[in-house]
Amino acid sequence: MQGFERFSSDFVRQYGLTHAQFDIIATLGNTCGMSYKELGQKTLITKGTLTGVVDRLEQKGLVIRERCPRDKRSYYVRLSDAGEQLFQDVFPKLTRQGQHLFAAYTDDDFSRLETTLTGLKQAIANGHS
């Protein structure tokens, strides 16, 4: 997993982004935005780190932060037009690069991997019961 993260980090760095910044852009892409809480849950970025990353993306003009209309104490984050354009440009390219990495794997390989990961997930869940 760290190898793939390094691969994707190297790729998005070409666009002046960190891995965490692109994670937020990719999560917000094709959505109308989301709350900090939802964004943190989907990206697994901690609240303190998330605030700093969103600040930097806002400074770059890639996201817009607004007060949540339902809860004035909360903020809502969405991609700006420039952020949406970056998402539309970079995400398909990264996806194609990832497809090349996995091109040699067969459907059976993926099926076995899915079974193994499901078993690992269950083992972890049972260990915390």
N, C-alpha and C. Protein backbone atom coordinates (compact mmCIF):
# COMPACT_ATOMS: atom_id res chain seq x y z
N MET A 1 0.82 -1.20 0.00
CA MET A 1 0.00 0.00 0.00
C MET A 1 0.87 1.25 0.00
N GLN A 2 1.95 1.24 0.76
CA GLN A 2 2.82 2.41 0.79
C GLN A 2 3.44 2.66 -0.58
N GLY A 3 3.73 1.60 -1.31
CA GLY A 3 4.29 1.74 -2.65
C GLY A 3 3.33 2.44 -3.59
N PHE A 4 2.04 2.07 -3.52
CA PHE A 4 1.05 2.73 -4.37
C PHE A 4 0.87 4.18 -3.95
N GLU A 5 0.88 4.44 -2.64
CA GLU A 5 0.76 5.81 -2.17
C GLU A 5 1.94 6.66 -2.66
N ARG A 6 3.12 6.07 -2.64
CA ARG A 6 4.31 6.78 -3.13
C ARG A 6 4.16 7.05 -4.63
N PHE A 7 3.69 6.04 -5.37
CA PHE A 7 3.46 6.20 -6.81
C PHE A 7 2.48 7.34 -7.07
N SER A 8 1.33 7.34 -6.38
CA SER A 8 0.32 8.36 -6.63
C SER A 8 0.80 9.72 -6.14
N SER A 9 1.55 9.76 -5.04
CA SER A 9 2.09 11.03 -4.54
C SER A 9 3.05 11.64 -5.55
N ASP A 10 3.91 10.81 -6.11
CA ASP A 10 4.84 11.30 -7.13
C ASP A 10 4.08 11.87 -8.33
N PHE A 11 3.00 11.20 -8.71
CA PHE A 11 2.21 11.64 -9.86
C PHE A 11 1.55 12.99 -9.59
N VAL A 12 0.87 13.13 -8.45
CA VAL A 12 0.13 14.39 -8.18
C VAL A 12 1.08 15.54 -7.85
N ARG A 13 2.29 15.22 -7.41
CA ARG A 13 3.26 16.28 -7.13
C ARG A 13 3.57 17.08 -8.40
N GLN A 14 3.44 16.43 -9.55
CA GLN A 14 3.64 17.13 -10.82
C GLN A 14 2.66 18.28 -11.00
N TYR A 15 1.56 18.23 -10.28
CA TYR A 15 0.52 19.26 -10.37
C TYR A 15 0.58 20.22 -9.18
N GLY A 16 1.66 20.15 -8.42
CA GLY A 16 1.84 21.05 -7.28
C GLY A 16 1.00 20.69 -6.07
N LEU A 17 0.64 19.42 -5.95
CA LEU A 17 -0.22 18.96 -4.85
C LEU A 17 0.49 17.92 -4.01
N THR A 18 0.14 17.89 -2.75
CA THR A 18 0.57 16.79 -1.88
C THR A 18 -0.45 15.66 -2.01
N HIS A 19 -0.08 14.50 -1.48
CA HIS A 19 -1.00 13.36 -1.51
C HIS A 19 -2.30 13.72 -0.78
N ALA A 20 -2.20 14.35 0.38
CA ALA A 20 -3.39 14.72 1.16
C ALA A 20 -4.26 15.72 0.41
N GLN A 21 -3.63 16.69 -0.26
CA GLN A 21 -4.40 17.67 -1.01
C GLN A 21 -5.17 17.00 -2.15
N PHE A 22 -4.50 16.09 -2.86
CA PHE A 22 -5.20 15.43 -3.95
C PHE A 22 -6.28 14.49 -3.41
N ASP A 23 -6.05 13.89 -2.27
CA ASP A 23 -7.06 13.03 -1.65
C ASP A 23 -8.34 13.83 -1.43
N ILE A 24 -8.20 15.05 -0.96
CA ILE A 24 -9.38 15.90 -0.73
C ILE A 24 -10.03 16.27 -2.06
N ILE A 25 -9.23 16.66 -3.04
CA ILE A 25 -9.78 17.01 -4.35
C ILE A 25 -10.51 15.81 -4.96
N ALA A 26 -9.90 14.63 -4.89
CA ALA A 26 -10.53 13.43 -5.44
C ALA A 26 -11.82 13.09 -4.71
N THR A 27 -11.85 13.30 -3.40
CA THR A 27 -13.04 13.00 -2.61
C THR A 27 -14.16 13.98 -2.93
N LEU A 28 -13.80 15.25 -3.14
CA LEU A 28 -14.81 16.27 -3.44
C LEU A 28 -15.25 16.26 -4.90
N GLY A 29 -14.44 15.66 -5.77
CA GLY A 29 -14.78 15.62 -7.19
C GLY A 29 -16.10 14.92 -7.44
N ASN A 30 -16.86 15.46 -8.36
CA ASN A 30 -18.18 14.92 -8.72
C ASN A 30 -19.17 14.94 -7.57
N THR A 31 -18.96 15.85 -6.62
CA THR A 31 -19.94 16.07 -5.54
C THR A 31 -20.25 17.56 -5.49
N CYS A 32 -21.27 17.91 -4.75
CA CYS A 32 -21.57 19.33 -4.56
C CYS A 32 -20.88 19.85 -3.30
N GLY A 33 -19.98 19.03 -2.73
CA GLY A 33 -19.25 19.41 -1.53
C GLY A 33 -19.72 18.60 -0.34
N MET A 34 -19.05 18.83 0.80
CA MET A 34 -19.42 18.11 2.01
C MET A 34 -18.90 18.83 3.24
N SER A 35 -19.40 18.44 4.38
CA SER A 35 -18.97 19.03 5.64
C SER A 35 -17.56 18.54 5.98
N TYR A 36 -16.90 19.27 6.88
CA TYR A 36 -15.58 18.83 7.35
C TYR A 36 -15.66 17.43 7.93
N LYS A 37 -16.71 17.19 8.70
CA LYS A 37 -16.85 15.88 9.34
C LYS A 37 -16.91 14.77 8.30
N GLU A 38 -17.75 14.95 7.29
CA GLU A 38 -17.90 13.94 6.24
C GLU A 38 -16.60 13.80 5.45
N LEU A 39 -15.96 14.92 5.14
CA LEU A 39 -14.70 14.89 4.40
C LEU A 39 -13.62 14.15 5.19
N GLY A 40 -13.56 14.39 6.49
CA GLY A 40 -12.60 13.69 7.34
C GLY A 40 -12.86 12.19 7.39
N GLN A 41 -14.13 11.82 7.45
CA GLN A 41 -14.48 10.39 7.49
C GLN A 41 -14.13 9.69 6.18
N LYS A 42 -14.34 10.35 5.08
CA LYS A 42 -14.09 9.74 3.78
C LYS A 42 -12.61 9.68 3.43
N THR A 43 -11.83 10.64 3.91
CA THR A 43 -10.40 10.67 3.59
C THR A 43 -9.54 10.07 4.69
N LEU A 44 -10.09 9.89 5.87
CA LEU A 44 -9.36 9.41 7.04
C LEU A 44 -8.24 10.37 7.45
N ILE A 45 -8.39 11.65 7.08
CA ILE A 45 -7.44 12.68 7.50
C ILE A 45 -7.97 13.26 8.81
N THR A 46 -7.10 13.37 9.81
CA THR A 46 -7.53 13.88 11.12
C THR A 46 -7.99 15.32 11.01
N LYS A 47 -8.83 15.73 11.95
CA LYS A 47 -9.43 17.05 11.92
C LYS A 47 -8.38 18.16 11.87
N GLY A 48 -7.36 18.07 12.70
CA GLY A 48 -6.32 19.09 12.73
C GLY A 48 -5.57 19.18 11.42
N THR A 49 -5.23 18.06 10.85
CA THR A 49 -4.53 18.03 9.57
C THR A 49 -5.44 18.50 8.45
N LEU A 50 -6.69 18.09 8.49
CA LEU A 50 -7.66 18.45 7.46
C LEU A 50 -7.80 19.96 7.34
N THR A 51 -7.86 20.66 8.46
CA THR A 51 -8.01 22.11 8.43
C THR A 51 -6.84 22.76 7.69
N GLY A 52 -5.62 22.34 7.99
CA GLY A 52 -4.45 22.90 7.33
C GLY A 52 -4.42 22.60 5.84
N VAL A 53 -4.79 21.37 5.47
CA VAL A 53 -4.79 20.99 4.05
C VAL A 53 -5.85 21.80 3.30
N VAL A 54 -7.02 21.94 3.88
CA VAL A 54 -8.08 22.73 3.24
C VAL A 54 -7.65 24.19 3.13
N ASP A 55 -7.00 24.71 4.18
CA ASP A 55 -6.49 26.09 4.12
C ASP A 55 -5.58 26.28 2.91
N ARG A 56 -4.65 25.36 2.71
CA ARG A 56 -3.71 25.49 1.59
C ARG A 56 -4.41 25.34 0.24
N LEU A 57 -5.39 24.45 0.17
CA LEU A 57 -6.15 24.31 -1.07
C LEU A 57 -6.98 25.57 -1.35
N GLU A 58 -7.48 26.18 -0.31
CA GLU A 58 -8.25 27.42 -0.47
C GLU A 58 -7.32 28.55 -0.95
N GLN A 59 -6.11 28.62 -0.39
CA GLN A 59 -5.14 29.62 -0.83
C GLN A 59 -4.77 29.43 -2.30
N LYS A 60 -4.75 28.19 -2.77
CA LYS A 60 -4.46 27.89 -4.17
C LYS A 60 -5.67 28.14 -5.08
N GLY A 61 -6.81 28.44 -4.47
CA GLY A 61 -8.02 28.70 -5.25
C GLY A 61 -8.70 27.43 -5.75
N LEU A 62 -8.42 26.29 -5.09
CA LEU A 62 -8.96 25.01 -5.56
C LEU A 62 -10.21 24.57 -4.81
N VAL A 63 -10.43 25.09 -3.61
CA VAL A 63 -11.65 24.77 -2.86
C VAL A 63 -12.26 26.06 -2.32
N ILE A 64 -13.52 25.97 -2.00
CA ILE A 64 -14.25 27.07 -1.38
C ILE A 64 -14.83 26.55 -0.08
N ARG A 65 -14.61 27.30 0.98
CA ARG A 65 -15.13 26.94 2.30
C ARG A 65 -16.26 27.90 2.62
N GLU A 66 -17.40 27.32 3.01
CA GLU A 66 -18.57 28.13 3.33
C GLU A 66 -19.17 27.66 4.64
N ARG A 67 -19.86 28.54 5.30
CA ARG A 67 -20.61 28.13 6.49
C ARG A 67 -21.73 27.20 6.07
N CYS A 68 -21.92 26.16 6.84
CA CYS A 68 -22.99 25.20 6.57
C CYS A 68 -24.33 25.89 6.83
N PRO A 69 -25.25 25.88 5.88
CA PRO A 69 -26.52 26.57 6.07
C PRO A 69 -27.37 26.00 7.21
N ARG A 70 -27.22 24.71 7.48
CA ARG A 70 -28.03 24.07 8.53
C ARG A 70 -27.42 24.22 9.92
N ASP A 71 -26.10 24.42 9.98
CA ASP A 71 -25.40 24.52 11.26
C ASP A 71 -24.29 25.56 11.10
N LYS A 72 -24.56 26.77 11.58
CA LYS A 72 -23.63 27.89 11.38
C LYS A 72 -22.29 27.67 12.06
N ARG A 73 -22.17 26.67 12.93
CA ARG A 73 -20.89 26.38 13.57
C ARG A 73 -20.00 25.53 12.68
N SER A 74 -20.57 24.93 11.66
CA SER A 74 -19.83 24.02 10.79
C SER A 74 -19.52 24.66 9.44
N TYR A 75 -18.48 24.12 8.81
CA TYR A 75 -18.11 24.57 7.47
C TYR A 75 -18.38 23.47 6.46
N TYR A 76 -18.62 23.91 5.26
CA TYR A 76 -18.89 23.06 4.12
C TYR A 76 -17.78 23.36 3.12
N VAL A 77 -17.21 22.33 2.50
CA VAL A 77 -16.10 22.51 1.57
C VAL A 77 -16.52 21.94 0.21
N ARG A 78 -16.24 22.70 -0.84
CA ARG A 78 -16.53 22.22 -2.19
C ARG A 78 -15.41 22.68 -3.11
N LEU A 79 -15.29 22.03 -4.25
CA LEU A 79 -14.30 22.43 -5.23
C LEU A 79 -14.72 23.74 -5.89
N SER A 80 -13.75 24.61 -6.12
CA SER A 80 -13.98 25.80 -6.93
C SER A 80 -13.99 25.37 -8.39
N ASP A 81 -14.25 26.29 -9.30
CA ASP A 81 -14.19 25.95 -10.72
C ASP A 81 -12.80 25.44 -11.09
N ALA A 82 -11.76 26.10 -10.56
CA ALA A 82 -10.38 25.67 -10.84
C ALA A 82 -10.11 24.29 -10.24
N GLY A 83 -10.65 24.02 -9.05
CA GLY A 83 -10.49 22.71 -8.43
C GLY A 83 -11.20 21.63 -9.20
N GLU A 84 -12.37 21.94 -9.70
CA GLU A 84 -13.13 20.98 -10.50
C GLU A 84 -12.38 20.68 -11.81
N GLN A 85 -11.81 21.72 -12.41
CA GLN A 85 -11.05 21.53 -13.64
C GLN A 85 -9.82 20.67 -13.39
N LEU A 86 -9.14 20.92 -12.26
CA LEU A 86 -7.97 20.11 -11.91
C LEU A 86 -8.37 18.65 -11.70
N PHE A 87 -9.46 18.44 -10.99
CA PHE A 87 -9.97 17.08 -10.77
C PHE A 87 -10.24 16.40 -12.10
N GLN A 88 -10.94 17.09 -13.00
CA GLN A 88 -11.29 16.52 -14.31
C GLN A 88 -10.05 16.21 -15.15
N ASP A 89 -8.99 16.95 -14.93
CA ASP A 89 -7.75 16.73 -15.68
C ASP A 89 -6.90 15.61 -15.06
N VAL A 90 -6.69 15.66 -13.76
CA VAL A 90 -5.73 14.78 -13.10
C VAL A 90 -6.30 13.40 -12.77
N PHE A 91 -7.53 13.33 -12.28
CA PHE A 91 -8.07 12.06 -11.80
C PHE A 91 -8.08 10.98 -12.89
N PRO A 92 -8.54 11.27 -14.10
CA PRO A 92 -8.51 10.21 -15.13
C PRO A 92 -7.08 9.77 -15.48
N LYS A 93 -6.15 10.70 -15.46
CA LYS A 93 -4.75 10.35 -15.75
C LYS A 93 -4.18 9.44 -14.67
N LEU A 94 -4.46 9.75 -13.41
CA LEU A 94 -3.99 8.90 -12.32
C LEU A 94 -4.64 7.53 -12.38
N THR A 95 -5.92 7.49 -12.71
CA THR A 95 -6.63 6.22 -12.84
C THR A 95 -6.01 5.36 -13.94
N ARG A 96 -5.69 5.99 -15.07
CA ARG A 96 -5.04 5.24 -16.16
C ARG A 96 -3.67 4.72 -15.74
N GLN A 97 -2.92 5.52 -15.00
CA GLN A 97 -1.62 5.08 -14.51
C GLN A 97 -1.78 3.87 -13.59
N GLY A 98 -2.79 3.93 -12.72
CA GLY A 98 -3.07 2.81 -11.82
C GLY A 98 -3.47 1.56 -12.59
N GLN A 99 -4.23 1.72 -13.66
CA GLN A 99 -4.63 0.57 -14.47
C GLN A 99 -3.41 -0.11 -15.08
N HIS A 100 -2.43 0.68 -15.47
CA HIS A 100 -1.20 0.09 -16.03
C HIS A 100 -0.47 -0.75 -14.98
N LEU A 101 -0.49 -0.29 -13.75
CA LEU A 101 0.18 -1.03 -12.67
C LEU A 101 -0.44 -2.41 -12.47
N PHE A 102 -1.75 -2.50 -12.65
CA PHE A 102 -2.47 -3.74 -12.38
C PHE A 102 -2.84 -4.53 -13.63
N ALA A 103 -2.32 -4.12 -14.77
CA ALA A 103 -2.70 -4.74 -16.05
C ALA A 103 -2.39 -6.23 -16.11
N ALA A 104 -1.36 -6.68 -15.42
CA ALA A 104 -0.95 -8.08 -15.50
C ALA A 104 -1.81 -9.00 -14.63
N TYR A 105 -2.66 -8.44 -13.80
CA TYR A 105 -3.48 -9.25 -12.90
C TYR A 105 -4.75 -9.71 -13.60
N THR A 106 -5.13 -10.95 -13.34
CA THR A 106 -6.34 -11.53 -13.93
C THR A 106 -7.53 -11.34 -13.00
N ASP A 107 -8.71 -11.65 -13.50
CA ASP A 107 -9.90 -11.61 -12.67
C ASP A 107 -9.77 -12.56 -11.48
N ASP A 108 -9.15 -13.72 -11.71
CA ASP A 108 -8.93 -14.68 -10.62
C ASP A 108 -7.99 -14.08 -9.56
N ASP A 109 -6.97 -13.37 -10.00
CA ASP A 109 -6.07 -12.72 -9.04
C ASP A 109 -6.84 -11.74 -8.16
N PHE A 110 -7.69 -10.93 -8.79
CA PHE A 110 -8.46 -9.95 -8.02
C PHE A 110 -9.47 -10.64 -7.10
N SER A 111 -10.05 -11.73 -7.56
CA SER A 111 -11.00 -12.48 -6.74
C SER A 111 -10.30 -13.04 -5.49
N ARG A 112 -9.12 -13.62 -5.67
CA ARG A 112 -8.36 -14.15 -4.52
C ARG A 112 -7.96 -13.01 -3.57
N LEU A 113 -7.56 -11.90 -4.13
CA LEU A 113 -7.18 -10.76 -3.30
C LEU A 113 -8.38 -10.25 -2.50
N GLU A 114 -9.52 -10.17 -3.14
CA GLU A 114 -10.73 -9.72 -2.45
C GLU A 114 -11.08 -10.67 -1.30
N THR A 115 -10.98 -11.97 -1.55
CA THR A 115 -11.26 -12.96 -0.50
C THR A 115 -10.28 -12.80 0.67
N THR A 116 -9.01 -12.63 0.34
CA THR A 116 -7.99 -12.47 1.38
C THR A 116 -8.23 -11.20 2.20
N LEU A 117 -8.54 -10.10 1.52
CA LEU A 117 -8.78 -8.84 2.23
C LEU A 117 -10.05 -8.89 3.06
N THR A 118 -11.07 -9.58 2.56
CA THR A 118 -12.30 -9.75 3.34
C THR A 118 -12.01 -10.53 4.62
N GLY A 119 -11.21 -11.60 4.49
CA GLY A 119 -10.82 -12.38 5.68
C GLY A 119 -10.02 -11.54 6.66
N LEU A 120 -9.12 -10.72 6.16
CA LEU A 120 -8.33 -9.83 7.02
C LEU A 120 -9.24 -8.84 7.74
N LYS A 121 -10.18 -8.27 7.01
CA LYS A 121 -11.12 -7.31 7.61
C LYS A 121 -11.92 -7.98 8.72
N GLN A 122 -12.38 -9.20 8.49
CA GLN A 122 -13.14 -9.92 9.50
C GLN A 122 -12.27 -10.25 10.72
N ALA A 123 -11.02 -10.65 10.47
CA ALA A 123 -10.12 -10.97 11.57
C ALA A 123 -9.87 -9.73 12.44
N ILE A 124 -9.71 -8.59 11.80
CA ILE A 124 -9.49 -7.35 12.55
C ILE A 124 -10.75 -6.99 13.34
N ALA A 125 -11.91 -7.12 12.68
CA ALA A 125 -13.18 -6.81 13.37
C ALA A 125 -13.40 -7.74 14.56
N ASN A 126 -13.10 -9.02 14.40
CA ASN A 126 -13.29 -9.98 15.48
C ASN A 126 -12.29 -9.76 16.62
N GLY A 127 -11.15 -9.24 16.28
CA GLY A 127 -10.14 -8.94 17.31
C GLY A 127 -10.52 -7.79 18.21
N HIS A 128 -11.46 -6.97 17.73
CA HIS A 128 -11.90 -5.81 18.51
C HIS A 128 -13.31 -5.99 19.07
N SER A 129 -13.81 -7.20 19.01
CA SER A 129 -15.18 -7.45 19.52
C SER A 129 -15.19 -7.53 21.02
